[in-house]
C-alpha atoms as a PDB file:
ATOM      1  CA  MET A   1      86.945 -13.585   0.095  1.00  0.00           C
ATOM      2  CA  ILE A   2      86.139 -13.334   3.787  1.00  0.00           C
ATOM      3  CA  LYS A   3      88.230 -10.153   4.057  1.00  0.00           C
ATOM      4  CA  ALA A   4      86.412  -8.600   1.112  1.00  0.00           C
ATOM      5  CA  ILE A   5      83.040  -9.381   2.697  1.00  0.00           C
ATOM      6  CA  ALA A   6      84.242  -7.900   5.991  1.00  0.00           C
ATOM      7  CA  ARG A   7      85.321  -4.681   4.239  1.00  0.00           C
ATOM      8  CA  LEU A   8      81.960  -4.387   2.498  1.00  0.00           C
ATOM      9  CA  ALA A   9      80.161  -4.950   5.797  1.00  0.00           C
ATOM     10  CA  LEU A  10      82.193  -2.216   7.492  1.00  0.00           C
ATOM     11  CA  LEU A  11      81.579   0.148   4.569  1.00  0.00           C
ATOM     12  CA  ALA A  12      77.834  -0.498   4.756  1.00  0.00           C
ATOM     13  CA  LEU A  13      77.919   0.109   8.518  1.00  0.00           C
ATOM     14  CA  PHE A  14      79.734   3.443   8.327  1.00  0.00           C
ATOM     15  CA  LEU A  15      78.387   4.719   4.994  1.00  0.00           C
ATOM     16  CA  PRO A  16      75.468   6.680   6.563  1.00  0.00           C
ATOM     17  CA  PHE A  17      77.906   8.482   8.853  1.00  0.00           C
ATOM     18  CA  LEU A  18      80.283   9.248   5.983  1.00  0.00           C
ATOM     19  CA  LEU A  19      77.471  10.650   3.853  1.00  0.00           C
ATOM     20  CA  HIS A  20      76.412  13.094   6.564  1.00  0.00           C
ATOM     21  CA  ALA A  21      79.792  13.736   8.187  1.00  0.00           C
ATOM     22  CA  ASP A  22      80.658  17.138   6.740  1.00  0.00           C
ATOM     23  CA  TYR A  23      77.958  19.632   7.677  1.00  0.00           C
ATOM     24  CA  ILE A  24      80.219  22.677   7.376  1.00  0.00           C
ATOM     25  CA  LEU A  25      80.479  23.308   3.643  1.00  0.00           C
ATOM     26  CA  ARG A  26      82.576  26.457   3.907  1.00  0.00           C
ATOM     27  CA  ASN A  27      84.246  28.138   6.851  1.00  0.00           C
ATOM     28  CA  ASP A  28      86.176  31.399   6.606  1.00  0.00           C
ATOM     29  CA  LEU A  29      85.149  32.781   9.996  1.00  0.00           C
ATOM     30  CA  LEU A  30      84.670  30.260  12.793  1.00  0.00           C
ATOM     31  CA  ASN A  31      87.189  29.204  15.381  1.00  0.00           C
ATOM     32  CA  PRO A  32      87.735  25.486  16.168  1.00  0.00           C
ATOM     33  CA  LYS A  33      85.470  25.595  19.241  1.00  0.00           C
ATOM     34  CA  ALA A  34      82.545  26.998  17.252  1.00  0.00           C
ATOM     35  CA  ILE A  35      83.089  24.387  14.539  1.00  0.00           C
ATOM     36  CA  GLN A  36      82.973  21.661  17.169  1.00  0.00           C
ATOM     37  CA  PHE A  37      79.707  23.008  18.618  1.00  0.00           C
ATOM     38  CA  VAL A  38      78.051  23.114  15.191  1.00  0.00           C
ATOM     39  CA  LYS A  39      79.191  19.605  14.262  1.00  0.00           C
ATOM     40  CA  ILE A  40      77.877  18.135  17.508  1.00  0.00           C
ATOM     41  CA  MET A  41      74.501  19.839  17.062  1.00  0.00           C
ATOM     42  CA  ALA A  42      74.339  18.812  13.401  1.00  0.00           C
ATOM     43  CA  GLU A  43      75.025  15.155  14.182  1.00  0.00           C
ATOM     44  CA  GLU A  44      72.371  15.061  16.895  1.00  0.00           C
ATOM     45  CA  LEU A  45      69.882  16.888  14.688  1.00  0.00           C
ATOM     46  CA  HIS A  46      70.307  14.360  11.900  1.00  0.00           C
ATOM     47  CA  THR A  47      70.245  11.361  14.225  1.00  0.00           C
ATOM     48  CA  LYS A  48      67.004  12.402  15.940  1.00  0.00           C
ATOM     49  CA  THR A  49      65.101  14.090  13.101  1.00  0.00           C
ATOM     50  CA  GLY A  50      66.612  12.848   9.845  1.00  0.00           C
ATOM     51  CA  VAL A  51      67.132  16.482   8.745  1.00  0.00           C
ATOM     52  CA  ASN A  52      70.589  17.648   7.690  1.00  0.00           C
ATOM     53  CA  GLY A  53      71.654  21.100   8.864  1.00  0.00           C
ATOM     54  CA  TYR A  54      74.438  22.461   6.667  1.00  0.00           C
ATOM     55  CA  LEU A  55      76.438  25.622   7.279  1.00  0.00           C
ATOM     56  CA  ILE A  56      78.314  28.099   5.120  1.00  0.00           C
ATOM     57  CA  ALA A  57      80.207  30.800   7.039  1.00  0.00           C
ATOM     58  CA  THR A  58      81.780  32.963   4.360  1.00  0.00           C
ATOM     59  CA  ASN A  59      83.835  36.146   4.333  1.00  0.00           C
ATOM     60  CA  GLU A  60      82.896  36.862   0.711  1.00  0.00           C
ATOM     61  CA  HIS A  61      81.854  40.454  -0.029  1.00  0.00           C
ATOM     62  CA  PHE A  62      78.643  39.801  -1.934  1.00  0.00           C
ATOM     63  CA  PRO A  63      77.139  42.811  -3.751  1.00  0.00           C
ATOM     64  CA  GLU A  64      73.698  44.232  -3.039  1.00  0.00           C
ATOM     65  CA  ARG A  65      70.805  41.795  -3.754  1.00  0.00           C
ATOM     66  CA  TYR A  66      73.197  38.956  -4.493  1.00  0.00           C
ATOM     67  CA  ASN A  67      71.204  35.745  -5.031  1.00  0.00           C
ATOM     68  CA  LEU A  68      72.246  33.406  -2.225  1.00  0.00           C
ATOM     69  CA  VAL A  69      69.893  30.677  -3.445  1.00  0.00           C
ATOM     70  CA  ALA A  70      71.739  30.575  -6.763  1.00  0.00           C
ATOM     71  CA  TYR A  71      75.041  30.730  -4.855  1.00  0.00           C
ATOM     72  CA  SER A  72      74.049  27.664  -2.824  1.00  0.00           C
ATOM     73  CA  LYS A  73      73.596  25.550  -5.971  1.00  0.00           C
ATOM     74  CA  LYS A  74      77.319  24.944  -6.295  1.00  0.00           C
ATOM     75  CA  TYR A  75      77.147  23.019  -3.016  1.00  0.00           C
ATOM     76  CA  ASP A  76      74.282  20.751  -4.120  1.00  0.00           C
ATOM     77  CA  ALA A  77      76.581  17.783  -4.599  1.00  0.00           C
ATOM     78  CA  ASN A  78      77.716  18.057  -0.984  1.00  0.00           C
ATOM     79  CA  MET A  79      74.223  18.033   0.539  1.00  0.00           C
ATOM     80  CA  SER A  80      71.778  15.187   1.172  1.00  0.00           C
ATOM     81  CA  LYS A  81      68.025  15.740   1.373  1.00  0.00           C
ATOM     82  CA  PRO A  82      66.134  16.608   3.475  1.00  0.00           C
ATOM     83  CA  TYR A  83      68.203  19.587   4.520  1.00  0.00           C
ATOM     84  CA  VAL A  84      68.312  23.244   5.464  1.00  0.00           C
ATOM     85  CA  LEU A  85      71.345  25.328   4.549  1.00  0.00           C
ATOM     86  CA  PHE A  86      72.359  28.096   6.955  1.00  0.00           C
ATOM     87  CA  ILE A  87      74.392  30.812   5.192  1.00  0.00           C
ATOM     88  CA  PHE A  88      76.178  33.411   7.313  1.00  0.00           C
ATOM     89  CA  ALA A  89      77.707  36.228   5.263  1.00  0.00           C
ATOM     90  CA  PRO A  90      78.609  39.181   7.539  1.00  0.00           C
ATOM     91  CA  PHE A  91      80.370  41.092   4.748  1.00  0.00           C
ATOM     92  CA  ALA A  92      77.555  40.831   2.201  1.00  0.00           C
ATOM     93  CA  LEU A  93      76.368  44.290   1.193  1.00  0.00           C
ATOM     94  CA  ILE A  94      72.758  45.039   2.129  1.00  0.00           C
ATOM     95  CA  THR A  95      72.416  48.365   0.293  1.00  0.00           C
ATOM     96  CA  GLU A  96      74.870  50.548  -1.603  1.00  0.00           C
ATOM     97  CA  LYS A  97      73.325  53.678  -0.109  1.00  0.00           C
ATOM     98  CA  SER A  98      73.702  52.702   3.546  1.00  0.00           C
ATOM     99  CA  GLN A  99      76.826  50.570   3.073  1.00  0.00           C
ATOM    100  CA  GLN A 100      75.434  48.249   5.742  1.00  0.00           C
ATOM    101  CA  ARG A 101      76.671  44.687   5.598  1.00  0.00           C
ATOM    102  CA  GLY A 102      75.638  41.319   6.930  1.00  0.00           C
ATOM    103  CA  ARG A 103      73.175  38.716   5.647  1.00  0.00           C
ATOM    104  CA  VAL A 104      71.777  35.487   7.070  1.00  0.00           C
ATOM    105  CA  ALA A 105      70.000  33.094   4.694  1.00  0.00           C
ATOM    106  CA  LEU A 106      68.146  29.849   5.322  1.00  0.00           C
ATOM    107  CA  ILE A 107      67.630  27.641   2.286  1.00  0.00           C
ATOM    108  CA  PRO A 108      65.499  24.505   2.821  1.00  0.00           C
ATOM    109  CA  SER A 109      65.329  21.541   0.463  1.00  0.00           C
ATOM    110  CA  SER A 110      61.516  21.653   0.486  1.00  0.00           C
ATOM    111  CA  GLU A 111      58.541  23.638   1.726  1.00  0.00           C
ATOM    112  CA  ASN A 112      57.907  20.987   4.383  1.00  0.00           C
ATOM    113  CA  ILE A 113      61.332  21.680   5.881  1.00  0.00           C
ATOM    114  CA  ALA A 114      60.749  25.453   5.703  1.00  0.00           C
ATOM    115  CA  GLU A 115      57.592  25.053   7.790  1.00  0.00           C
ATOM    116  CA  MET A 116      59.597  23.528  10.654  1.00  0.00           C
ATOM    117  CA  TYR A 117      61.259  26.794  11.716  1.00  0.00           C
ATOM    118  CA  ASP A 118      60.669  30.535  11.905  1.00  0.00           C
ATOM    119  CA  LYS A 119      63.332  32.333   9.884  1.00  0.00           C
ATOM    120  CA  ARG A 120      62.974  35.518  11.951  1.00  0.00           C
ATOM    121  CA  ASN A 121      63.852  33.683  15.167  1.00  0.00           C
ATOM    122  CA  ILE A 122      67.053  32.259  13.691  1.00  0.00           C
ATOM    123  CA  MET A 123      68.065  35.632  12.261  1.00  0.00           C
ATOM    124  CA  ASP A 124      67.378  37.371  15.585  1.00  0.00           C
ATOM    125  CA  ALA A 125      69.388  34.792  17.511  1.00  0.00           C
ATOM    126  CA  THR A 126      72.324  35.289  15.129  1.00  0.00           C
ATOM    127  CA  ILE A 127      72.262  39.048  14.642  1.00  0.00           C
ATOM    128  CA  ASP A 128      71.526  40.080  18.255  1.00  0.00           C
ATOM    129  CA  VAL A 129      75.014  38.996  19.295  1.00  0.00           C
ATOM    130  CA  ILE A 130      76.787  40.739  16.438  1.00  0.00           C
ATOM    131  CA  ALA A 131      74.823  43.955  16.860  1.00  0.00           C
ATOM    132  CA  GLY A 132      75.423  44.085  20.609  1.00  0.00           C
ATOM    133  CA  VAL A 133      77.846  46.673  21.941  1.00  0.00           C
ATOM    134  CA  ASP A 134      80.509  44.978  24.050  1.00  0.00           C
ATOM    135  CA  LYS A 135      84.234  44.328  24.230  1.00  0.00           C
ATOM    136  CA  ASN A 136      84.206  41.057  22.271  1.00  0.00           C
ATOM    137  CA  LYS A 137      86.231  41.019  19.076  1.00  0.00           C
ATOM    138  CA  ILE A 138      84.190  40.847  15.876  1.00  0.00           C
ATOM    139  CA  GLU A 139      85.652  37.389  15.179  1.00  0.00           C
ATOM    140  CA  ASP A 140      84.269  36.139  18.498  1.00  0.00           C
ATOM    141  CA  LYS A 141      80.891  37.734  17.786  1.00  0.00           C
ATOM    142  CA  HIS A 142      80.717  35.943  14.456  1.00  0.00           C
ATOM    143  CA  ALA A 143      81.422  32.607  16.121  1.00  0.00           C
ATOM    144  CA  ILE A 144      78.924  33.157  18.943  1.00  0.00           C
ATOM    145  CA  GLY A 145      76.256  34.449  16.561  1.00  0.00           C
ATOM    146  CA  VAL A 146      76.535  31.443  14.251  1.00  0.00           C
ATOM    147  CA  VAL A 147      76.457  28.947  17.108  1.00  0.00           C
ATOM    148  CA  GLN A 148      73.404  30.605  18.653  1.00  0.00           C
ATOM    149  CA  GLY A 149      71.592  30.927  15.333  1.00  0.00           C
ATOM    150  CA  TYR A 150      72.314  27.323  14.386  1.00  0.00           C
ATOM    151  CA  SER A 151      71.214  26.186  17.841  1.00  0.00           C
ATOM    152  CA  GLU A 152      67.903  28.010  17.453  1.00  0.00           C
ATOM    153  CA  LEU A 153      67.405  26.422  14.026  1.00  0.00           C
ATOM    154  CA  ALA A 154      68.151  22.923  15.318  1.00  0.00           C
ATOM    155  CA  ASP A 155      65.838  23.318  18.317  1.00  0.00           C
ATOM    156  CA  GLU A 156      62.933  24.517  16.175  1.00  0.00           C
ATOM    157  CA  ILE A 157      63.299  21.616  13.729  1.00  0.00           C
ATOM    158  CA  ALA A 158      63.510  19.171  16.627  1.00  0.00           C
ATOM    159  CA  LYS A 159      60.400  20.669  18.207  1.00  0.00           C
ATOM    160  CA  ALA A 160      58.522  20.330  14.914  1.00  0.00           C
ATOM    161  CA  LYS A 161      59.531  16.659  14.861  1.00  0.00           C
ATOM    162  CA  GLY A 162      58.440  16.139  18.470  1.00  0.00           C
ATOM    163  CA  VAL A 163      61.910  15.449  19.876  1.00  0.00           C
ATOM    164  CA  GLU A 164      64.362  17.321  22.109  1.00  0.00           C
ATOM    165  CA  LEU A 165      68.045  17.922  21.492  1.00  0.00           C
ATOM    166  CA  GLU A 166      70.568  17.691  24.319  1.00  0.00           C
ATOM    167  CA  HIS A 167      73.498  19.642  22.894  1.00  0.00           C
ATOM    168  CA  THR A 168      71.905  22.893  21.769  1.00  0.00           C
ATOM    169  CA  ILE A 169      71.992  26.194  23.678  1.00  0.00           C
ATOM    170  CA  LYS A 170      68.649  26.366  25.407  1.00  0.00           C
ATOM    171  CA  GLU A 171      66.627  29.584  25.404  1.00  0.00           C
ATOM    172  CA  THR A 172      69.259  31.324  23.299  1.00  0.00           C
ATOM    173  CA  ARG A 173      67.533  34.632  22.631  1.00  0.00           C
ATOM    174  CA  GLN A 174      66.005  34.898  26.106  1.00  0.00           C
ATOM    175  CA  GLY A 175      69.424  34.285  27.642  1.00  0.00           C
ATOM    176  CA  PHE A 176      70.956  36.994  25.506  1.00  0.00           C
ATOM    177  CA  TRP A 177      68.278  39.481  26.567  1.00  0.00           C
ATOM    178  CA  VAL A 178      68.876  38.620  30.240  1.00  0.00           C
ATOM    179  CA  VAL A 179      72.604  39.309  29.822  1.00  0.00           C
ATOM    180  CA  GLN A 180      71.840  42.614  28.149  1.00  0.00           C
ATOM    181  CA  ALA A 181      69.434  43.557  30.965  1.00  0.00           C
ATOM    182  CA  LEU A 182      72.073  42.749  33.598  1.00  0.00           C
ATOM    183  CA  VAL A 183      74.654  44.866  31.757  1.00  0.00           C
ATOM    184  CA  PHE A 184      72.278  47.833  31.631  1.00  0.00           C
ATOM    185  CA  LEU A 185      71.359  47.345  35.304  1.00  0.00           C
ATOM    186  CA  GLY A 186      75.034  47.266  36.286  1.00  0.00           C
ATOM    187  CA  ALA A 187      75.689  50.446  34.323  1.00  0.00           C
ATOM    188  CA  ALA A 188      72.727  52.138  35.994  1.00  0.00           C
ATOM    189  CA  ILE A 189      74.026  51.197  39.458  1.00  0.00           C
ATOM    190  CA  VAL A 190      77.485  52.542  38.628  1.00  0.00           C
ATOM    191  CA  PHE A 191      76.015  55.844  37.395  1.00  0.00           C
ATOM    192  CA  TRP A 192      73.885  56.104  40.546  1.00  0.00           C
ATOM    193  CA  ILE A 193      76.786  55.462  42.930  1.00  0.00           C
ATOM    194  CA  PHE A 194      79.384  57.703  41.273  1.00  0.00           C
ATOM    195  CA  PHE A 195      77.335  60.441  39.624  1.00  0.00           C
ATOM    196  CA  PHE A 196      73.681  60.794  40.520  1.00  0.00           C
ATOM    197  CA  ARG A 197      73.886  59.931  44.243  1.00  0.00           C
ATOM    198  CA  PRO A 198      76.592  62.525  45.069  1.00  0.00           C
ATOM    199  CA  LEU A 199      74.634  65.112  43.061  1.00  0.00           C
ATOM    200  CA  TYR A 200      71.428  64.168  44.879  1.00  0.00           C
ATOM    201  CA  ILE A 201      73.170  64.470  48.271  1.00  0.00           C
ATOM    202  CA  ARG A 202      74.580  67.914  47.420  1.00  0.00           C
ATOM    203  CA  ILE A 203      71.164  69.145  46.299  1.00  0.00           C
ATOM    204  CA  ARG A 204      69.486  67.661  49.380  1.00  0.00           C
ATOM    205  CA  ASP A 205      72.027  69.108  51.808  1.00  0.00           C
ATOM    206  CA  GLY A 206      71.859  72.476  50.048  1.00  0.00           C
ATOM    207  CA  LYS A 207      68.118  72.634  50.545  1.00  0.00           C
ATOM    208  CA  LYS A 208      68.484  71.779  54.226  1.00  0.00           C
ATOM    209  CA  ALA A 209      70.983  74.602  54.723  1.00  0.00           C
END
């Protein structure tokens, strides 16, 4: 009898953690490090705000205008309210004409949750990385984009609740812009040293002669 009571007590103690343990509902794209980042942020978000942040990172090739809200319904049983569902679908077709692909969707459990974040900020934080021209593999860009977008989402919800998260990536979009600016500045310096400066010197010396 005592053992049975002890088991029930342990179950009651850990039940809240078990209910909210799996925040990644589908993952076809992320590496283990990115998964770890998202899980840590999700746990802290729920602990401090009571909001569940779920993630679907899918490689499915959705057709144009595919209804992601309807798609999310099959995961209803795996989500606890209040929540926001972050869907990252880089292979979803935007338009047949352009053949452009890549969609980010945010599906909240209520209007009150939707008011806690700006969808454009989360989309910018996610897409800026993927759209950037660099030497990173597309798989790495997907992972970085999701982590940054999720971080932005978590920070905005926390801010709306009047708390601060410790494990998110601070100033995500601003940091990305700074990196881009440094890359462009470095390229400009290289062009000046190896191309424009020698040309300038030749023109200057020619005028003096």
